[in-house]
Amino acid sequence: MLGVSADSVAKQKKFKEKYDLPYSLLADEDKKMCAAYGVMKEKSMYGKKFLGIARTTFVIGPDGKIEKIFENVKPDGHAEEVLASLK
């Protein structure tokens, strides 16, 4: 399992330690991976539009192919949802 965000390696290290995450985090500071996976979306905050990362989970099989995509992910309960889909 991997996590990817546009945060720096230093920020990811602090986040991983704070939440005691059992998986690796990849830094995509230039957002090339996010663009390749199609998760860069137009968002809006306080009436201003901007390009941001849509929180998305990809389940990738042993053959390297995407088996399932979870879009607009909310953290609460998501791990259980993903685990249930794998059974």
PDB file of N, CA and C in Angstrom:
ATOM      1  N   MET A   1       0.848  -1.160   0.000  1.00  0.00           N
ATOM      2  CA  MET A   1       0.000   0.000   0.000  1.00  0.00           C
ATOM      3  C   MET A   1       0.900   1.230   0.000  1.00  0.00           C
ATOM      4  N   LEU A   2       0.471   2.236  -0.768  1.00  0.00           N
ATOM      5  CA  LEU A   2       1.194   3.498  -0.856  1.00  0.00           C
ATOM      6  C   LEU A   2       0.218   4.655  -0.739  1.00  0.00           C
ATOM      7  N   GLY A   3       0.693   5.749  -0.222  1.00  0.00           N
ATOM      8  CA  GLY A   3      -0.059   6.993  -0.222  1.00  0.00           C
ATOM      9  C   GLY A   3       0.725   7.994  -1.041  1.00  0.00           C
ATOM     10  N   VAL A   4       0.023   8.847  -1.761  1.00  0.00           N
ATOM     11  CA  VAL A   4       0.670   9.858  -2.588  1.00  0.00           C
ATOM     12  C   VAL A   4       0.029  11.207  -2.297  1.00  0.00           C
ATOM     13  N   SER A   5       0.856  12.229  -2.143  1.00  0.00           N
ATOM     14  CA  SER A   5       0.337  13.588  -2.016  1.00  0.00           C
ATOM     15  C   SER A   5       1.356  14.551  -2.601  1.00  0.00           C
ATOM     16  N   ALA A   6       0.923  15.782  -2.787  1.00  0.00           N
ATOM     17  CA  ALA A   6       1.797  16.810  -3.346  1.00  0.00           C
ATOM     18  C   ALA A   6       2.653  17.464  -2.266  1.00  0.00           C
ATOM     19  N   ASP A   7       2.525  17.007  -1.027  1.00  0.00           N
ATOM     20  CA  ASP A   7       3.324  17.561   0.060  1.00  0.00           C
ATOM     21  C   ASP A   7       4.787  17.164  -0.083  1.00  0.00           C
ATOM     22  N   SER A   8       5.643  17.925   0.553  1.00  0.00           N
ATOM     23  CA  SER A   8       7.078  17.627   0.538  1.00  0.00           C
ATOM     24  C   SER A   8       7.354  16.351   1.338  1.00  0.00           C
ATOM     25  N   VAL A   9       8.511  15.796   1.128  1.00  0.00           N
ATOM     26  CA  VAL A   9       8.933  14.603   1.866  1.00  0.00           C
ATOM     27  C   VAL A   9       8.942  14.897   3.370  1.00  0.00           C
ATOM     28  N   ALA A  10       9.402  16.068   3.753  1.00  0.00           N
ATOM     29  CA  ALA A  10       9.463  16.434   5.180  1.00  0.00           C
ATOM     30  C   ALA A  10       8.059  16.485   5.794  1.00  0.00           C
ATOM     31  N   LYS A  11       7.103  17.093   5.092  1.00  0.00           N
ATOM     32  CA  LYS A  11       5.722  17.152   5.605  1.00  0.00           C
ATOM     33  C   LYS A  11       5.120  15.758   5.702  1.00  0.00           C
ATOM     34  N   GLN A  12       5.406  14.931   4.702  1.00  0.00           N
ATOM     35  CA  GLN A  12       4.870  13.569   4.722  1.00  0.00           C
ATOM     36  C   GLN A  12       5.439  12.774   5.885  1.00  0.00           C
ATOM     37  N   LYS A  13       6.714  12.973   6.156  1.00  0.00           N
ATOM     38  CA  LYS A  13       7.355  12.260   7.269  1.00  0.00           C
ATOM     39  C   LYS A  13       6.647  12.606   8.587  1.00  0.00           C
ATOM     40  N   LYS A  14       6.386  13.902   8.804  1.00  0.00           N
ATOM     41  CA  LYS A  14       5.694  14.328  10.025  1.00  0.00           C
ATOM     42  C   LYS A  14       4.287  13.736  10.089  1.00  0.00           C
ATOM     43  N   PHE A  15       3.577  13.748   8.958  1.00  0.00           N
ATOM     44  CA  PHE A  15       2.217  13.212   8.900  1.00  0.00           C
ATOM     45  C   PHE A  15       2.210  11.721   9.212  1.00  0.00           C
ATOM     46  N   LYS A  16       3.152  10.998   8.607  1.00  0.00           N
ATOM     47  CA  LYS A  16       3.241   9.548   8.817  1.00  0.00           C
ATOM     48  C   LYS A  16       3.521   9.236  10.287  1.00  0.00           C
ATOM     49  N   GLU A  17       4.423   9.994  10.887  1.00  0.00           N
ATOM     50  CA  GLU A  17       4.757   9.770  12.297  1.00  0.00           C
ATOM     51  C   GLU A  17       3.591  10.151  13.210  1.00  0.00           C
ATOM     52  N   LYS A  18       2.927  11.271  12.913  1.00  0.00           N
ATOM     53  CA  LYS A  18       1.811  11.741  13.737  1.00  0.00           C
ATOM     54  C   LYS A  18       0.688  10.717  13.796  1.00  0.00           C
ATOM     55  N   TYR A  19       0.379  10.099  12.640  1.00  0.00           N
ATOM     56  CA  TYR A  19      -0.736   9.156  12.574  1.00  0.00           C
ATOM     57  C   TYR A  19      -0.284   7.700  12.572  1.00  0.00           C
ATOM     58  N   ASP A  20       1.016   7.475  12.769  1.00  0.00           N
ATOM     59  CA  ASP A  20       1.586   6.126  12.847  1.00  0.00           C
ATOM     60  C   ASP A  20       1.119   5.260  11.673  1.00  0.00           C
ATOM     61  N   LEU A  21       1.277   5.788  10.461  1.00  0.00           N
ATOM     62  CA  LEU A  21       0.822   5.071   9.263  1.00  0.00           C
ATOM     63  C   LEU A  21       1.722   3.881   8.967  1.00  0.00           C
ATOM     64  N   PRO A  22       1.132   2.740   8.636  1.00  0.00           N
ATOM     65  CA  PRO A  22       1.916   1.526   8.387  1.00  0.00           C
ATOM     66  C   PRO A  22       2.327   1.354   6.919  1.00  0.00           C
ATOM     67  N   TYR A  23       2.280   2.423   6.141  1.00  0.00           N
ATOM     68  CA  TYR A  23       2.623   2.318   4.720  1.00  0.00           C
ATOM     69  C   TYR A  23       3.458   3.520   4.291  1.00  0.00           C
ATOM     70  N   SER A  24       4.074   3.395   3.134  1.00  0.00           N
ATOM     71  CA  SER A  24       4.940   4.446   2.603  1.00  0.00           C
ATOM     72  C   SER A  24       4.131   5.559   1.950  1.00  0.00           C
ATOM     73  N   LEU A  25       4.677   6.765   2.017  1.00  0.00           N
ATOM     74  CA  LEU A  25       4.075   7.911   1.353  1.00  0.00           C
ATOM     75  C   LEU A  25       5.032   8.401   0.267  1.00  0.00           C
ATOM     76  N   LEU A  26       4.484   8.712  -0.896  1.00  0.00           N
ATOM     77  CA  LEU A  26       5.283   9.222  -2.002  1.00  0.00           C
ATOM     78  C   LEU A  26       4.998  10.704  -2.188  1.00  0.00           C
ATOM     79  N   ALA A  27       6.047  11.495  -2.388  1.00  0.00           N
ATOM     80  CA  ALA A  27       5.895  12.930  -2.621  1.00  0.00           C
ATOM     81  C   ALA A  27       5.772  13.174  -4.123  1.00  0.00           C
ATOM     82  N   ASP A  28       4.696  13.842  -4.506  1.00  0.00           N
ATOM     83  CA  ASP A  28       4.453  14.193  -5.909  1.00  0.00           C
ATOM     84  C   ASP A  28       4.352  15.717  -6.000  1.00  0.00           C
ATOM     85  N   GLU A  29       5.433  16.374  -5.590  1.00  0.00           N
ATOM     86  CA  GLU A  29       5.418  17.832  -5.483  1.00  0.00           C
ATOM     87  C   GLU A  29       5.138  18.527  -6.815  1.00  0.00           C
ATOM     88  N   ASP A  30       5.561  17.918  -7.918  1.00  0.00           N
ATOM     89  CA  ASP A  30       5.299  18.536  -9.227  1.00  0.00           C
ATOM     90  C   ASP A  30       3.945  18.096  -9.805  1.00  0.00           C
ATOM     91  N   LYS A  31       3.255  17.238  -9.099  1.00  0.00           N
ATOM     92  CA  LYS A  31       1.908  16.750  -9.439  1.00  0.00           C
ATOM     93  C   LYS A  31       1.842  15.990 -10.767  1.00  0.00           C
ATOM     94  N   LYS A  32       2.955  15.454 -11.217  1.00  0.00           N
ATOM     95  CA  LYS A  32       2.953  14.674 -12.466  1.00  0.00           C
ATOM     96  C   LYS A  32       2.172  13.368 -12.309  1.00  0.00           C
ATOM     97  N   MET A  33       2.337  12.707 -11.166  1.00  0.00           N
ATOM     98  CA  MET A  33       1.613  11.458 -10.945  1.00  0.00           C
ATOM     99  C   MET A  33       0.116  11.740 -10.816  1.00  0.00           C
ATOM    100  N   CYS A  34      -0.223  12.816 -10.118  1.00  0.00           N
ATOM    101  CA  CYS A  34      -1.636  13.184  -9.971  1.00  0.00           C
ATOM    102  C   CYS A  34      -2.266  13.450 -11.338  1.00  0.00           C
ATOM    103  N   ALA A  35      -1.541  14.123 -12.197  1.00  0.00           N
ATOM    104  CA  ALA A  35      -2.052  14.398 -13.548  1.00  0.00           C
ATOM    105  C   ALA A  35      -2.195  13.101 -14.334  1.00  0.00           C
ATOM    106  N   ALA A  36      -1.219  12.216 -14.216  1.00  0.00           N
ATOM    107  CA  ALA A  36      -1.254  10.949 -14.957  1.00  0.00           C
ATOM    108  C   ALA A  36      -2.437  10.079 -14.525  1.00  0.00           C
ATOM    109  N   TYR A  37      -2.799  10.135 -13.253  1.00  0.00           N
ATOM    110  CA  TYR A  37      -3.926   9.349 -12.749  1.00  0.00           C
ATOM    111  C   TYR A  37      -5.260  10.091 -12.863  1.00  0.00           C
ATOM    112  N   GLY A  38      -5.225  11.306 -13.379  1.00  0.00           N
ATOM    113  CA  GLY A  38      -6.457  12.049 -13.622  1.00  0.00           C
ATOM    114  C   GLY A  38      -7.168  12.563 -12.389  1.00  0.00           C
ATOM    115  N   VAL A  39      -6.413  12.846 -11.330  1.00  0.00           N
ATOM    116  CA  VAL A  39      -7.055  13.305 -10.095  1.00  0.00           C
ATOM    117  C   VAL A  39      -6.952  14.820  -9.897  1.00  0.00           C
ATOM    118  N   MET A  40      -6.403  15.529 -10.857  1.00  0.00           N
ATOM    119  CA  MET A  40      -6.377  16.989 -10.802  1.00  0.00           C
ATOM    120  C   MET A  40      -7.733  17.480 -11.287  1.00  0.00           C
ATOM    121  N   LYS A  41      -8.474  18.143 -10.413  1.00  0.00           N
ATOM    122  CA  LYS A  41      -9.841  18.569 -10.718  1.00  0.00           C
ATOM    123  C   LYS A  41     -10.033  20.043 -10.378  1.00  0.00           C
ATOM    124  N   GLU A  42     -10.986  20.655 -11.062  1.00  0.00           N
ATOM    125  CA  GLU A  42     -11.329  22.031 -10.714  1.00  0.00           C
ATOM    126  C   GLU A  42     -12.114  22.017  -9.408  1.00  0.00           C
ATOM    127  N   LYS A  43     -11.679  22.842  -8.485  1.00  0.00           N
ATOM    128  CA  LYS A  43     -12.340  22.964  -7.190  1.00  0.00           C
ATOM    129  C   LYS A  43     -12.696  24.424  -6.981  1.00  0.00           C
ATOM    130  N   SER A  44     -13.477  24.670  -5.953  1.00  0.00           N
ATOM    131  CA  SER A  44     -13.812  26.052  -5.647  1.00  0.00           C
ATOM    132  C   SER A  44     -13.857  26.243  -4.145  1.00  0.00           C
ATOM    133  N   MET A  45     -13.335  27.396  -3.707  1.00  0.00           N
ATOM    134  CA  MET A  45     -13.341  27.733  -2.290  1.00  0.00           C
ATOM    135  C   MET A  45     -13.588  29.229  -2.179  1.00  0.00           C
ATOM    136  N   TYR A  46     -14.580  29.586  -1.405  1.00  0.00           N
ATOM    137  CA  TYR A  46     -14.948  30.991  -1.227  1.00  0.00           C
ATOM    138  C   TYR A  46     -15.193  31.670  -2.570  1.00  0.00           C
ATOM    139  N   GLY A  47     -15.799  30.938  -3.503  1.00  0.00           N
ATOM    140  CA  GLY A  47     -16.144  31.485  -4.808  1.00  0.00           C
ATOM    141  C   GLY A  47     -15.008  31.540  -5.810  1.00  0.00           C
ATOM    142  N   LYS A  48     -13.813  31.144  -5.399  1.00  0.00           N
ATOM    143  CA  LYS A  48     -12.664  31.156  -6.309  1.00  0.00           C
ATOM    144  C   LYS A  48     -12.403  29.747  -6.798  1.00  0.00           C
ATOM    145  N   LYS A  49     -12.181  29.606  -8.102  1.00  0.00           N
ATOM    146  CA  LYS A  49     -11.904  28.295  -8.689  1.00  0.00           C
ATOM    147  C   LYS A  49     -10.398  28.091  -8.799  1.00  0.00           C
ATOM    148  N   PHE A  50      -9.984  26.845  -8.592  1.00  0.00           N
ATOM    149  CA  PHE A  50      -8.564  26.507  -8.680  1.00  0.00           C
ATOM    150  C   PHE A  50      -8.439  25.030  -9.028  1.00  0.00           C
ATOM    151  N   LEU A  51      -7.270  24.639  -9.478  1.00  0.00           N
ATOM    152  CA  LEU A  51      -7.004  23.247  -9.794  1.00  0.00           C
ATOM    153  C   LEU A  51      -6.428  22.583  -8.547  1.00  0.00           C
ATOM    154  N   GLY A  52      -7.067  21.506  -8.101  1.00  0.00           N
ATOM    155  CA  GLY A  52      -6.620  20.816  -6.902  1.00  0.00           C
ATOM    156  C   GLY A  52      -6.686  19.314  -7.082  1.00  0.00           C
ATOM    157  N   ILE A  53      -6.239  18.615  -6.080  1.00  0.00           N
ATOM    158  CA  ILE A  53      -6.207  17.156  -6.122  1.00  0.00           C
ATOM    159  C   ILE A  53      -7.479  16.610  -5.480  1.00  0.00           C
ATOM    160  N   ALA A  54      -8.208  15.784  -6.225  1.00  0.00           N
ATOM    161  CA  ALA A  54      -9.394  15.121  -5.696  1.00  0.00           C
ATOM    162  C   ALA A  54      -8.938  13.864  -4.962  1.00  0.00           C
ATOM    163  N   ARG A  55      -9.303  13.753  -3.696  1.00  0.00           N
ATOM    164  CA  ARG A  55      -8.887  12.589  -2.901  1.00  0.00           C
ATOM    165  C   ARG A  55      -9.497  11.340  -3.517  1.00  0.00           C
ATOM    166  N   THR A  56      -8.624  10.431  -3.951  1.00  0.00           N
ATOM    167  CA  THR A  56      -9.036   9.254  -4.704  1.00  0.00           C
ATOM    168  C   THR A  56      -8.200   8.061  -4.261  1.00  0.00           C
ATOM    169  N   THR A  57      -8.825   6.889  -4.221  1.00  0.00           N
ATOM    170  CA  THR A  57      -8.112   5.647  -3.912  1.00  0.00           C
ATOM    171  C   THR A  57      -8.186   4.732  -5.125  1.00  0.00           C
ATOM    172  N   PHE A  58      -7.040   4.181  -5.492  1.00  0.00           N
ATOM    173  CA  PHE A  58      -6.961   3.209  -6.580  1.00  0.00           C
ATOM    174  C   PHE A  58      -6.533   1.875  -5.992  1.00  0.00           C
ATOM    175  N   VAL A  59      -7.276   0.819  -6.294  1.00  0.00           N
ATOM    176  CA  VAL A  59      -6.861  -0.532  -5.930  1.00  0.00           C
ATOM    177  C   VAL A  59      -6.195  -1.094  -7.178  1.00  0.00           C
ATOM    178  N   ILE A  60      -4.910  -1.417  -7.035  1.00  0.00           N
ATOM    179  CA  ILE A  60      -4.124  -1.900  -8.169  1.00  0.00           C
ATOM    180  C   ILE A  60      -3.781  -3.363  -7.935  1.00  0.00           C
ATOM    181  N   GLY A  61      -4.113  -4.196  -8.898  1.00  0.00           N
ATOM    182  CA  GLY A  61      -3.897  -5.629  -8.783  1.00  0.00           C
ATOM    183  C   GLY A  61      -2.453  -6.022  -8.968  1.00  0.00           C
ATOM    184  N   PRO A  62      -2.145  -7.292  -8.727  1.00  0.00           N
ATOM    185  CA  PRO A  62      -0.784  -7.804  -8.860  1.00  0.00           C
ATOM    186  C   PRO A  62      -0.220  -7.632 -10.273  1.00  0.00           C
ATOM    187  N   ASP A  63      -1.116  -7.548 -11.253  1.00  0.00           N
ATOM    188  CA  ASP A  63      -0.675  -7.383 -12.636  1.00  0.00           C
ATOM    189  C   ASP A  63      -0.415  -5.916 -12.995  1.00  0.00           C
ATOM    190  N   GLY A  64      -0.602  -5.011 -12.006  1.00  0.00           N
ATOM    191  CA  GLY A  64      -0.351  -3.595 -12.231  1.00  0.00           C
ATOM    192  C   GLY A  64      -1.531  -2.838 -12.826  1.00  0.00           C
ATOM    193  N   LYS A  65      -2.659  -3.515 -13.028  1.00  0.00           N
ATOM    194  CA  LYS A  65      -3.839  -2.875 -13.599  1.00  0.00           C
ATOM    195  C   LYS A  65      -4.770  -2.383 -12.485  1.00  0.00           C
ATOM    196  N   ILE A  66      -5.417  -1.253 -12.756  1.00  0.00           N
ATOM    197  CA  ILE A  66      -6.362  -0.703 -11.786  1.00  0.00           C
ATOM    198  C   ILE A  66      -7.601  -1.586 -11.754  1.00  0.00           C
ATOM    199  N   GLU A  67      -7.940  -2.064 -10.557  1.00  0.00           N
ATOM    200  CA  GLU A  67      -9.099  -2.936 -10.380  1.00  0.00           C
ATOM    201  C   GLU A  67     -10.327  -2.176  -9.891  1.00  0.00           C
ATOM    202  N   LYS A  68     -10.111  -1.114  -9.106  1.00  0.00           N
ATOM    203  CA  LYS A  68     -11.245  -0.354  -8.561  1.00  0.00           C
ATOM    204  C   LYS A  68     -10.773   1.060  -8.255  1.00  0.00           C
ATOM    205  N   ILE A  69     -11.687   2.014  -8.436  1.00  0.00           N
ATOM    206  CA  ILE A  69     -11.406   3.415  -8.136  1.00  0.00           C
ATOM    207  C   ILE A  69     -12.479   3.925  -7.175  1.00  0.00           C
ATOM    208  N   PHE A  70     -12.036   4.543  -6.092  1.00  0.00           N
ATOM    209  CA  PHE A  70     -12.924   5.205  -5.142  1.00  0.00           C
ATOM    210  C   PHE A  70     -12.686   6.705  -5.300  1.00  0.00           C
ATOM    211  N   GLU A  71     -13.709   7.440  -5.716  1.00  0.00           N
ATOM    212  CA  GLU A  71     -13.570   8.884  -5.927  1.00  0.00           C
ATOM    213  C   GLU A  71     -14.215   9.656  -4.787  1.00  0.00           C
ATOM    214  N   ASN A  72     -13.775  10.902  -4.631  1.00  0.00           N
ATOM    215  CA  ASN A  72     -14.313  11.796  -3.590  1.00  0.00           C
ATOM    216  C   ASN A  72     -14.293  11.134  -2.214  1.00  0.00           C
ATOM    217  N   VAL A  73     -13.161  10.577  -1.878  1.00  0.00           N
ATOM    218  CA  VAL A  73     -12.975   9.815  -0.647  1.00  0.00           C
ATOM    219  C   VAL A  73     -13.055  10.717   0.583  1.00  0.00           C
ATOM    220  N   LYS A  74     -13.763  10.241   1.577  1.00  0.00           N
ATOM    221  CA  LYS A  74     -13.795  10.857   2.906  1.00  0.00           C
ATOM    222  C   LYS A  74     -13.042   9.905   3.837  1.00  0.00           C
ATOM    223  N   PRO A  75     -12.108  10.408   4.633  1.00  0.00           N
ATOM    224  CA  PRO A  75     -11.281   9.528   5.465  1.00  0.00           C
ATOM    225  C   PRO A  75     -12.050   8.616   6.414  1.00  0.00           C
ATOM    226  N   ASP A  76     -13.089   9.141   7.059  1.00  0.00           N
ATOM    227  CA  ASP A  76     -13.819   8.334   8.047  1.00  0.00           C
ATOM    228  C   ASP A  76     -14.483   7.133   7.389  1.00  0.00           C
ATOM    229  N   GLY A  77     -14.082   5.950   7.809  1.00  0.00           N
ATOM    230  CA  GLY A  77     -14.680   4.717   7.329  1.00  0.00           C
ATOM    231  C   GLY A  77     -14.169   4.227   5.979  1.00  0.00           C
ATOM    232  N   HIS A  78     -13.275   4.986   5.367  1.00  0.00           N
ATOM    233  CA  HIS A  78     -12.835   4.601   4.018  1.00  0.00           C
ATOM    234  C   HIS A  78     -11.983   3.325   4.021  1.00  0.00           C
ATOM    235  N   ALA A  79     -11.130   3.169   5.006  1.00  0.00           N
ATOM    236  CA  ALA A  79     -10.292   1.960   5.057  1.00  0.00           C
ATOM    237  C   ALA A  79     -11.166   0.709   5.108  1.00  0.00           C
ATOM    238  N   GLU A  80     -12.213   0.763   5.897  1.00  0.00           N
ATOM    239  CA  GLU A  80     -13.128  -0.375   5.997  1.00  0.00           C
ATOM    240  C   GLU A  80     -13.831  -0.637   4.665  1.00  0.00           C
ATOM    241  N   GLU A  81     -14.201   0.442   3.968  1.00  0.00           N
ATOM    242  CA  GLU A  81     -14.853   0.328   2.664  1.00  0.00           C
ATOM    243  C   GLU A  81     -13.924  -0.357   1.651  1.00  0.00           C
ATOM    244  N   VAL A  82     -12.668   0.043   1.647  1.00  0.00           N
ATOM    245  CA  VAL A  82     -11.696  -0.553   0.727  1.00  0.00           C
ATOM    246  C   VAL A  82     -11.478  -2.016   1.081  1.00  0.00           C
ATOM    247  N   LEU A  83     -11.283  -2.318   2.344  1.00  0.00           N
ATOM    248  CA  LEU A  83     -11.077  -3.702   2.779  1.00  0.00           C
ATOM    249  C   LEU A  83     -12.272  -4.587   2.386  1.00  0.00           C
ATOM    250  N   ALA A  84     -13.473  -4.076   2.580  1.00  0.00           N
ATOM    251  CA  ALA A  84     -14.668  -4.838   2.236  1.00  0.00           C
ATOM    252  C   ALA A  84     -14.713  -5.133   0.732  1.00  0.00           C
ATOM    253  N   SER A  85     -14.246  -4.205  -0.083  1.00  0.00           N
ATOM    254  CA  SER A  85     -14.275  -4.411  -1.534  1.00  0.00           C
ATOM    255  C   SER A  85     -13.256  -5.458  -1.980  1.00  0.00           C
ATOM    256  N   LEU A  86     -12.271  -5.712  -1.159  1.00  0.00           N
ATOM    257  CA  LEU A  86     -11.225  -6.680  -1.517  1.00  0.00           C
ATOM    258  C   LEU A  86     -11.622  -8.112  -1.191  1.00  0.00           C
ATOM    259  N   LYS A  87     -12.674  -8.282  -0.426  1.00  0.00           N
ATOM    260  CA  LYS A  87     -13.086  -9.633  -0.024  1.00  0.00           C
ATOM    261  C   LYS A  87     -13.944 -10.289  -1.066  1.00  0.00           C
TER     262      LYS A  87
END
